[in-house]
Amino acid sequence: MLITTANEFPGYQITEVLGEVFGLTIRSRNVVSQFGAGLKSLVGGELQGMTKNLVESRNIAMGRMQEEAVAKGGNAIVAMRFDTSDMGTNWTEICAYGTAVTIVKL
């Protein structure tokens, strides 16, 4: 499935707009990673455990968005975006969203 943050695919024509699609996950922060992140913030540097958790969460959200697009009959997603929000002190919501479309190569 082709996915883009743009509103169109060069070399393709959108033949049908199927509507908005979403993929959502809510992840809790690992207590050990959070403790390590607190220590790491004292000296600076990348918080690798937090980065890994966010990458996994984004991939899950994208996968769910793709599944919804396929269920609607789409073969591509345009105008894809991510949104994140903190829910409480230890939970993060990650949402991938876009517009499911059908496309054909020109």
Protein backbone atom coordinates (compact mmCIF):
# COMPACT_ATOMS: atom_id res chain seq x y z
CA MET A 1 0.00 0.00 0.00
CA LEU A 2 1.33 3.43 -0.94
CA ILE A 3 1.14 6.05 1.80
CA THR A 4 2.09 9.70 1.51
CA THR A 5 1.85 12.88 3.53
CA ALA A 6 1.16 14.69 0.25
CA ASN A 7 -2.31 15.08 -1.24
CA GLU A 8 -1.50 13.14 -4.40
CA PHE A 9 0.94 10.61 -5.87
CA PRO A 10 2.97 11.75 -8.88
CA GLY A 11 2.41 9.28 -11.71
CA TYR A 12 -0.89 8.06 -10.26
CA GLN A 13 -4.49 9.19 -10.53
CA ILE A 14 -6.86 9.08 -7.58
CA THR A 15 -9.98 7.34 -8.86
CA GLU A 16 -12.01 7.27 -5.64
CA VAL A 17 -11.87 8.94 -2.24
CA LEU A 18 -13.06 6.48 0.41
CA GLY A 19 -12.83 8.69 3.50
CA GLU A 20 -10.81 9.13 6.65
CA VAL A 21 -8.96 6.22 8.19
CA PHE A 22 -7.40 6.00 11.63
CA GLY A 23 -5.00 3.77 13.49
CA LEU A 24 -4.77 4.22 17.24
CA THR A 25 -2.70 2.79 20.05
CA ILE A 26 -2.29 3.80 23.67
CA ARG A 27 0.97 2.76 25.26
CA SER A 28 2.10 2.85 28.83
CA ARG A 29 5.65 3.82 29.59
CA ASN A 30 7.92 1.07 30.84
CA VAL A 31 8.82 1.83 34.48
CA VAL A 32 12.42 0.66 33.98
CA SER A 33 12.82 2.76 30.82
CA GLN A 34 11.24 5.74 32.54
CA PHE A 35 13.65 5.42 35.49
CA GLY A 36 16.59 5.11 33.07
CA ALA A 37 15.30 8.13 31.15
CA GLY A 38 15.22 10.13 34.36
CA LEU A 39 18.85 9.29 35.03
CA LYS A 40 19.85 9.94 31.42
CA SER A 41 18.20 13.36 31.50
CA LEU A 42 20.73 14.39 34.14
CA VAL A 43 23.63 13.95 31.71
CA GLY A 44 21.88 14.39 28.36
CA GLY A 45 21.63 12.20 25.30
CA GLU A 46 19.08 10.10 23.47
CA LEU A 47 16.55 8.16 25.50
CA GLN A 48 16.85 4.95 23.47
CA GLY A 49 14.19 2.98 25.36
CA MET A 50 11.65 5.77 24.85
CA THR A 51 12.64 6.13 21.18
CA LYS A 52 12.17 2.38 20.60
CA ASN A 53 8.75 2.47 22.29
CA LEU A 54 7.62 5.42 20.15
CA VAL A 55 8.80 3.80 16.89
CA GLU A 56 6.94 0.57 17.77
CA SER A 57 3.82 2.55 18.66
CA ARG A 58 3.88 4.51 15.41
CA ASN A 59 4.27 1.28 13.42
CA ILE A 60 1.29 -0.28 15.22
CA ALA A 61 -0.84 2.82 14.58
CA MET A 62 0.16 2.85 10.88
CA GLY A 63 -0.64 -0.84 10.53
CA ARG A 64 -4.11 -0.32 11.97
CA MET A 65 -4.70 2.64 9.67
CA GLN A 66 -3.68 0.53 6.66
CA GLU A 67 -6.05 -2.27 7.75
CA GLU A 68 -8.93 0.21 7.89
CA ALA A 69 -8.06 1.53 4.42
CA VAL A 70 -8.03 -1.99 2.98
CA ALA A 71 -11.37 -2.75 4.67
CA LYS A 72 -12.82 0.29 2.86
CA GLY A 73 -11.46 -0.94 -0.47
CA GLY A 74 -8.47 1.42 -0.67
CA ASN A 75 -5.05 0.75 -2.10
CA ALA A 76 -3.40 3.96 -0.91
CA ILE A 77 -3.56 6.66 1.76
CA VAL A 78 -3.00 10.38 1.15
CA ALA A 79 -2.49 13.24 3.61
CA MET A 80 -1.18 10.86 6.30
CA ARG A 81 -0.31 12.42 9.66
CA PHE A 82 0.56 11.40 13.20
CA ASP A 83 -0.86 12.86 16.36
CA THR A 84 0.30 12.11 19.89
CA SER A 85 -1.05 13.10 23.26
CA ASP A 86 -0.25 12.28 26.83
CA MET A 87 -3.02 10.61 28.76
CA GLY A 88 -2.25 10.87 32.44
CA THR A 89 1.34 10.65 33.58
CA ASN A 90 2.30 7.26 32.11
CA TRP A 91 0.21 6.75 28.96
CA THR A 92 0.69 8.10 25.47
CA GLU A 93 -1.85 7.98 22.65
CA ILE A 94 -0.47 7.68 19.13
CA CYS A 95 -2.85 8.16 16.20
CA ALA A 96 -2.03 7.73 12.51
CA TYR A 97 -4.65 9.17 10.18
CA GLY A 98 -5.19 10.00 6.56
CA THR A 99 -7.59 9.61 3.66
CA ALA A 100 -8.10 6.21 2.05
CA VAL A 101 -8.20 6.34 -1.75
CA THR A 102 -7.97 4.10 -4.77
CA ILE A 103 -5.27 4.98 -7.26
CA VAL A 104 -4.19 3.79 -10.71
CA LYS A 105 -0.82 4.25 -12.38
CA LEU A 106 -0.88 6.72 -15.29
